[in-house]
C-alpha cells in the first residue's frame, strides 16, 4: 500500500515538473528574501510604501 502511494506521488511530481515553463519561456518569480535584499541594496527605507510596492513587483517577476 505504501509503495503504491509513493509511486503515485512520484508520478504526479514528475508530470508536474515536465509541464512547468522554463525560465526562457516565462519571467521568473523571486522569493521575498531575494526581493527584500534587492530593495535594501537599492536604498529603499524599511516599511515604506515604495519598498513594499518594489517587493511585490519583484516577487511577481515584473521589470524593475
PDB file of N, CA and C in Angstrom:
ATOM      1  N   UNK A   1       0.826  -1.190   0.000  1.00  0.00           N
ATOM      2  CA  UNK A   1       0.000   0.000   0.000  1.00  0.00           C
ATOM      3  C   UNK A   1       0.875   1.260   0.000  1.00  0.00           C
ATOM      4  N   UNK A   2       1.899   1.289   0.856  1.00  0.00           N
ATOM      5  CA  UNK A   2       2.789   2.447   0.898  1.00  0.00           C
ATOM      6  C   UNK A   2       3.529   2.629  -0.421  1.00  0.00           C
ATOM      7  N   UNK A   3       3.907   1.529  -1.025  1.00  0.00           N
ATOM      8  CA  UNK A   3       4.615   1.590  -2.299  1.00  0.00           C
ATOM      9  C   UNK A   3       3.736   2.199  -3.388  1.00  0.00           C
ATOM     10  N   UNK A   4       2.468   1.846  -3.406  1.00  0.00           N
ATOM     11  CA  UNK A   4       1.544   2.393  -4.393  1.00  0.00           C
ATOM     12  C   UNK A   4       1.345   3.885  -4.194  1.00  0.00           C
ATOM     13  N   UNK A   5       1.222   4.323  -2.960  1.00  0.00           N
ATOM     14  CA  UNK A   5       1.058   5.749  -2.679  1.00  0.00           C
ATOM     15  C   UNK A   5       2.317   6.508  -3.074  1.00  0.00           C
ATOM     16  N   UNK A   6       3.469   5.957  -2.739  1.00  0.00           N
ATOM     17  CA  UNK A   6       4.732   6.591  -3.102  1.00  0.00           C
ATOM     18  C   UNK A   6       4.883   6.689  -4.619  1.00  0.00           C
ATOM     19  N   UNK A   7       4.550   5.620  -5.322  1.00  0.00           N
ATOM     20  CA  UNK A   7       4.659   5.605  -6.783  1.00  0.00           C
ATOM     21  C   UNK A   7       3.710   6.611  -7.409  1.00  0.00           C
ATOM     22  N   UNK A   8       2.493   6.696  -6.899  1.00  0.00           N
ATOM     23  CA  UNK A   8       1.524   7.653  -7.427  1.00  0.00           C
ATOM     24  C   UNK A   8       1.997   9.087  -7.178  1.00  0.00           C
ATOM     25  N   UNK A   9       2.525   9.347  -6.000  1.00  0.00           N
ATOM     26  CA  UNK A   9       3.040  10.682  -5.689  1.00  0.00           C
ATOM     27  C   UNK A   9       4.221  11.050  -6.568  1.00  0.00           C
ATOM     28  N   UNK A  10       5.092  10.106  -6.785  1.00  0.00           N
ATOM     29  CA  UNK A  10       6.243  10.341  -7.650  1.00  0.00           C
ATOM     30  C   UNK A  10       5.807  10.622  -9.082  1.00  0.00           C
ATOM     31  N   UNK A  11       4.819   9.893  -9.571  1.00  0.00           N
ATOM     32  CA  UNK A  11       4.312  10.110 -10.924  1.00  0.00           C
ATOM     33  C   UNK A  11       3.714  11.506 -11.066  1.00  0.00           C
ATOM     34  N   UNK A  12       3.002  11.957 -10.053  1.00  0.00           N
ATOM     35  CA  UNK A  12       2.411  13.304 -10.094  1.00  0.00           C
ATOM     36  C   UNK A  12       3.513  14.356 -10.115  1.00  0.00           C
ATOM     37  N   UNK A  13       4.527  14.195  -9.291  1.00  0.00           N
ATOM     38  CA  UNK A  13       5.623  15.153  -9.273  1.00  0.00           C
ATOM     39  C   UNK A  13       6.358  15.213 -10.606  1.00  0.00           C
ATOM     40  N   UNK A  14       6.614  14.070 -11.183  1.00  0.00           N
ATOM     41  CA  UNK A  14       7.318  14.046 -12.469  1.00  0.00           C
ATOM     42  C   UNK A  14       6.478  14.676 -13.570  1.00  0.00           C
ATOM     43  N   UNK A  15       5.171  14.431 -13.567  1.00  0.00           N
ATOM     44  CA  UNK A  15       4.292  15.027 -14.575  1.00  0.00           C
ATOM     45  C   UNK A  15       4.221  16.533 -14.380  1.00  0.00           C
ATOM     46  N   UNK A  16       4.172  16.988 -13.127  1.00  0.00           N
ATOM     47  CA  UNK A  16       4.084  18.414 -12.843  1.00  0.00           C
ATOM     48  C   UNK A  16       5.355  19.133 -13.284  1.00  0.00           C
ATOM     49  N   UNK A  17       6.504  18.548 -13.052  1.00  0.00           N
ATOM     50  CA  UNK A  17       7.762  19.185 -13.421  1.00  0.00           C
ATOM     51  C   UNK A  17       7.925  19.289 -14.928  1.00  0.00           C
ATOM     52  N   UNK A  18       7.430  18.336 -15.652  1.00  0.00           N
ATOM     53  CA  UNK A  18       7.606  18.379 -17.108  1.00  0.00           C
ATOM     54  C   UNK A  18       6.717  19.427 -17.755  1.00  0.00           C
ATOM     55  N   UNK A  19       5.641  19.855 -17.088  1.00  0.00           N
ATOM     56  CA  UNK A  19       4.756  20.869 -17.665  1.00  0.00           C
ATOM     57  C   UNK A  19       5.091  22.261 -17.175  1.00  0.00           C
ATOM     58  N   UNK A  20       6.020  22.404 -16.234  1.00  0.00           N
ATOM     59  CA  UNK A  20       6.392  23.719 -15.721  1.00  0.00           C
ATOM     60  C   UNK A  20       7.143  24.485 -16.804  1.00  0.00           C
ATOM     61  N   UNK A  21       6.834  25.785 -16.969  1.00  0.00           N
ATOM     62  CA  UNK A  21       7.525  26.563 -18.008  1.00  0.00           C
ATOM     63  C   UNK A  21       8.985  26.783 -17.646  1.00  0.00           C
ATOM     64  N   UNK A  22       9.822  26.795 -18.639  1.00  0.00           N
ATOM     65  CA  UNK A  22      11.236  27.043 -18.391  1.00  0.00           C
ATOM     66  C   UNK A  22      11.451  28.535 -18.167  1.00  0.00           C
ATOM     67  N   UNK A  23      12.594  28.900 -17.631  1.00  0.00           N
ATOM     68  CA  UNK A  23      12.873  30.304 -17.357  1.00  0.00           C
ATOM     69  C   UNK A  23      12.980  31.110 -18.643  1.00  0.00           C
ATOM     70  N   UNK A  24      13.301  30.468 -19.744  1.00  0.00           N
ATOM     71  CA  UNK A  24      13.367  31.178 -21.016  1.00  0.00           C
ATOM     72  C   UNK A  24      11.974  31.507 -21.541  1.00  0.00           C
ATOM     73  N   UNK A  25      10.978  30.727 -21.140  1.00  0.00           N
ATOM     74  CA  UNK A  25       9.629  30.934 -21.640  1.00  0.00           C
ATOM     75  C   UNK A  25       8.837  31.932 -20.801  1.00  0.00           C
ATOM     76  N   UNK A  26       9.131  32.052 -19.545  1.00  0.00           N
ATOM     77  CA  UNK A  26       8.358  32.917 -18.663  1.00  0.00           C
ATOM     78  C   UNK A  26       9.303  33.632 -17.707  1.00  0.00           C
ATOM     79  N   UNK A  27       8.847  34.783 -17.217  1.00  0.00           N
ATOM     80  CA  UNK A  27       9.638  35.502 -16.230  1.00  0.00           C
ATOM     81  C   UNK A  27       9.682  34.712 -14.931  1.00  0.00           C
ATOM     82  N   UNK A  28      10.783  34.797 -14.267  1.00  0.00           N
ATOM     83  CA  UNK A  28      10.964  34.031 -13.033  1.00  0.00           C
ATOM     84  C   UNK A  28      10.512  34.868 -11.850  1.00  0.00           C
ATOM     85  N   UNK A  29       9.640  34.313 -11.035  1.00  0.00           N
ATOM     86  CA  UNK A  29       9.239  34.975  -9.807  1.00  0.00           C
ATOM     87  C   UNK A  29      10.297  34.704  -8.746  1.00  0.00           C
ATOM     88  N   UNK A  30      10.470  35.641  -7.846  1.00  0.00           N
ATOM     89  CA  UNK A  30      11.515  35.537  -6.846  1.00  0.00           C
ATOM     90  C   UNK A  30      10.919  35.403  -5.450  1.00  0.00           C
ATOM     91  N   UNK A  31      11.747  34.969  -4.521  1.00  0.00           N
ATOM     92  CA  UNK A  31      11.315  34.829  -3.130  1.00  0.00           C
ATOM     93  C   UNK A  31      11.280  36.199  -2.463  1.00  0.00           C
ATOM     94  N   UNK A  32      10.593  36.263  -1.337  1.00  0.00           N
ATOM     95  CA  UNK A  32      10.505  37.512  -0.584  1.00  0.00           C
ATOM     96  C   UNK A  32      11.890  37.971  -0.139  1.00  0.00           C
ATOM     97  N   UNK A  33      12.694  37.057   0.368  1.00  0.00           N
ATOM     98  CA  UNK A  33      14.025  37.436   0.865  1.00  0.00           C
ATOM     99  C   UNK A  33      14.906  37.992  -0.245  1.00  0.00           C
ATOM    100  N   UNK A  34      14.844  37.386  -1.414  1.00  0.00           N
ATOM    101  CA  UNK A  34      15.616  37.883  -2.555  1.00  0.00           C
ATOM    102  C   UNK A  34      15.185  39.295  -2.911  1.00  0.00           C
ATOM    103  N   UNK A  35      13.873  39.526  -2.973  1.00  0.00           N
ATOM    104  CA  UNK A  35      13.352  40.843  -3.353  1.00  0.00           C
ATOM    105  C   UNK A  35      13.631  41.880  -2.270  1.00  0.00           C
ATOM    106  N   UNK A  36      13.529  41.478  -0.995  1.00  0.00           N
ATOM    107  CA  UNK A  36      13.836  42.399   0.087  1.00  0.00           C
ATOM    108  C   UNK A  36      15.289  42.828   0.016  1.00  0.00           C
ATOM    109  N   UNK A  37      16.178  41.887  -0.274  1.00  0.00           N
ATOM    110  CA  UNK A  37      17.597  42.212  -0.377  1.00  0.00           C
ATOM    111  C   UNK A  37      17.848  43.177  -1.532  1.00  0.00           C
ATOM    112  N   UNK A  38      17.166  42.983  -2.640  1.00  0.00           N
ATOM    113  CA  UNK A  38      17.305  43.913  -3.774  1.00  0.00           C
ATOM    114  C   UNK A  38      16.832  45.308  -3.396  1.00  0.00           C
ATOM    115  N   UNK A  39      15.699  45.385  -2.688  1.00  0.00           N
ATOM    116  CA  UNK A  39      15.184  46.687  -2.255  1.00  0.00           C
ATOM    117  C   UNK A  39      16.173  47.356  -1.305  1.00  0.00           C
ATOM    118  N   UNK A  40      16.718  46.587  -0.369  1.00  0.00           N
ATOM    119  CA  UNK A  40      17.699  47.115   0.583  1.00  0.00           C
ATOM    120  C   UNK A  40      18.931  47.638  -0.148  1.00  0.00           C
ATOM    121  N   UNK A  41      19.419  46.864  -1.119  1.00  0.00           N
ATOM    122  CA  UNK A  41      20.603  47.268  -1.878  1.00  0.00           C
ATOM    123  C   UNK A  41      20.352  48.519  -2.704  1.00  0.00           C
ATOM    124  N   UNK A  42      19.115  48.744  -3.101  1.00  0.00           N
ATOM    125  CA  UNK A  42      18.790  49.932  -3.884  1.00  0.00           C
ATOM    126  C   UNK A  42      18.472  51.141  -3.014  1.00  0.00           C
ATOM    127  N   UNK A  43      18.511  50.958  -1.696  1.00  0.00           N
ATOM    128  CA  UNK A  43      18.354  52.091  -0.804  1.00  0.00           C
ATOM    129  C   UNK A  43      16.943  52.389  -0.341  1.00  0.00           C
ATOM    130  N   UNK A  44      16.012  51.468  -0.527  1.00  0.00           N
ATOM    131  CA  UNK A  44      14.648  51.706  -0.051  1.00  0.00           C
ATOM    132  C   UNK A  44      14.643  51.700   1.469  1.00  0.00           C
ATOM    133  N   UNK A  45      13.904  52.639   2.054  1.00  0.00           N
ATOM    134  CA  UNK A  45      13.763  52.677   3.508  1.00  0.00           C
ATOM    135  C   UNK A  45      12.826  51.574   3.947  1.00  0.00           C
ATOM    136  N   UNK A  46      13.045  51.066   5.153  1.00  0.00           N
ATOM    137  CA  UNK A  46      12.279  49.936   5.683  1.00  0.00           C
ATOM    138  C   UNK A  46      10.823  50.319   5.920  1.00  0.00           C
ATOM    139  N   UNK A  47       9.906  49.435   5.483  1.00  0.00           N
ATOM    140  CA  UNK A  47       8.466  49.548   5.712  1.00  0.00           C
ATOM    141  C   UNK A  47       7.845  50.814   5.131  1.00  0.00           C
ATOM    142  N   UNK A  48       8.303  51.212   3.972  1.00  0.00           N
ATOM    143  CA  UNK A  48       7.663  52.330   3.276  1.00  0.00           C
ATOM    144  C   UNK A  48       6.799  51.769   2.154  1.00  0.00           C
ATOM    145  N   UNK A  49       5.890  52.601   1.672  1.00  0.00           N
ATOM    146  CA  UNK A  49       5.012  52.166   0.587  1.00  0.00           C
ATOM    147  C   UNK A  49       5.838  51.782  -0.649  1.00  0.00           C
ATOM    148  N   UNK A  50       6.848  52.570  -0.949  1.00  0.00           N
ATOM    149  CA  UNK A  50       7.689  52.291  -2.109  1.00  0.00           C
ATOM    150  C   UNK A  50       8.408  50.961  -2.005  1.00  0.00           C
ATOM    151  N   UNK A  51       8.909  50.673  -0.807  1.00  0.00           N
ATOM    152  CA  UNK A  51       9.610  49.399  -0.605  1.00  0.00           C
ATOM    153  C   UNK A  51       8.653  48.228  -0.784  1.00  0.00           C
ATOM    154  N   UNK A  52       7.479  48.310  -0.182  1.00  0.00           N
ATOM    155  CA  UNK A  52       6.504  47.222  -0.297  1.00  0.00           C
ATOM    156  C   UNK A  52       6.079  47.026  -1.751  1.00  0.00           C
ATOM    157  N   UNK A  53       5.872  48.116  -2.471  1.00  0.00           N
ATOM    158  CA  UNK A  53       5.492  48.019  -3.876  1.00  0.00           C
ATOM    159  C   UNK A  53       6.623  47.390  -4.700  1.00  0.00           C
ATOM    160  N   UNK A  54       7.854  47.796  -4.429  1.00  0.00           N
ATOM    161  CA  UNK A  54       9.005  47.227  -5.124  1.00  0.00           C
ATOM    162  C   UNK A  54       9.076  45.720  -4.893  1.00  0.00           C
ATOM    163  N   UNK A  55       8.898  45.291  -3.632  1.00  0.00           N
ATOM    164  CA  UNK A  55       8.975  43.868  -3.301  1.00  0.00           C
ATOM    165  C   UNK A  55       7.853  43.099  -3.982  1.00  0.00           C
ATOM    166  N   UNK A  56       6.627  43.654  -3.982  1.00  0.00           N
ATOM    167  CA  UNK A  56       5.514  42.977  -4.655  1.00  0.00           C
ATOM    168  C   UNK A  56       5.798  42.781  -6.141  1.00  0.00           C
ATOM    169  N   UNK A  57       6.269  43.831  -6.792  1.00  0.00           N
ATOM    170  CA  UNK A  57       6.554  43.734  -8.230  1.00  0.00           C
ATOM    171  C   UNK A  57       7.689  42.750  -8.497  1.00  0.00           C
ATOM    172  N   UNK A  58       8.701  42.752  -7.645  1.00  0.00           N
ATOM    173  CA  UNK A  58       9.820  41.826  -7.797  1.00  0.00           C
ATOM    174  C   UNK A  58       9.340  40.386  -7.648  1.00  0.00           C
ATOM    175  N   UNK A  59       8.477  40.125  -6.668  1.00  0.00           N
ATOM    176  CA  UNK A  59       8.001  38.764  -6.448  1.00  0.00           C
ATOM    177  C   UNK A  59       7.132  38.281  -7.606  1.00  0.00           C
ATOM    178  N   UNK A  60       6.486  39.192  -8.296  1.00  0.00           N
ATOM    179  CA  UNK A  60       5.694  38.814  -9.486  1.00  0.00           C
ATOM    180  C   UNK A  60       6.582  38.615 -10.705  1.00  0.00           C
ATOM    181  N   UNK A  61       7.827  39.044 -10.621  1.00  0.00           N
ATOM    182  CA  UNK A  61       8.741  38.902 -11.740  1.00  0.00           C
ATOM    183  C   UNK A  61       8.625  40.028 -12.743  1.00  0.00           C
ATOM    184  N   UNK A  62       8.024  41.146 -12.319  1.00  0.00           N
ATOM    185  CA  UNK A  62       7.868  42.280 -13.220  1.00  0.00           C
ATOM    186  C   UNK A  62       9.149  43.082 -13.280  1.00  0.00           C
ATOM    187  N   UNK A  63       9.325  43.768 -14.387  1.00  0.00           N
ATOM    188  CA  UNK A  63      10.535  44.558 -14.592  1.00  0.00           C
ATOM    189  C   UNK A  63      10.621  45.660 -13.552  1.00  0.00           C
ATOM    190  N   UNK A  64      11.832  45.952 -13.134  1.00  0.00           N
ATOM    191  CA  UNK A  64      12.045  46.996 -12.111  1.00  0.00           C
ATOM    192  C   UNK A  64      12.587  48.239 -12.736  1.00  0.00           C
TER     193      UNK A  64
END
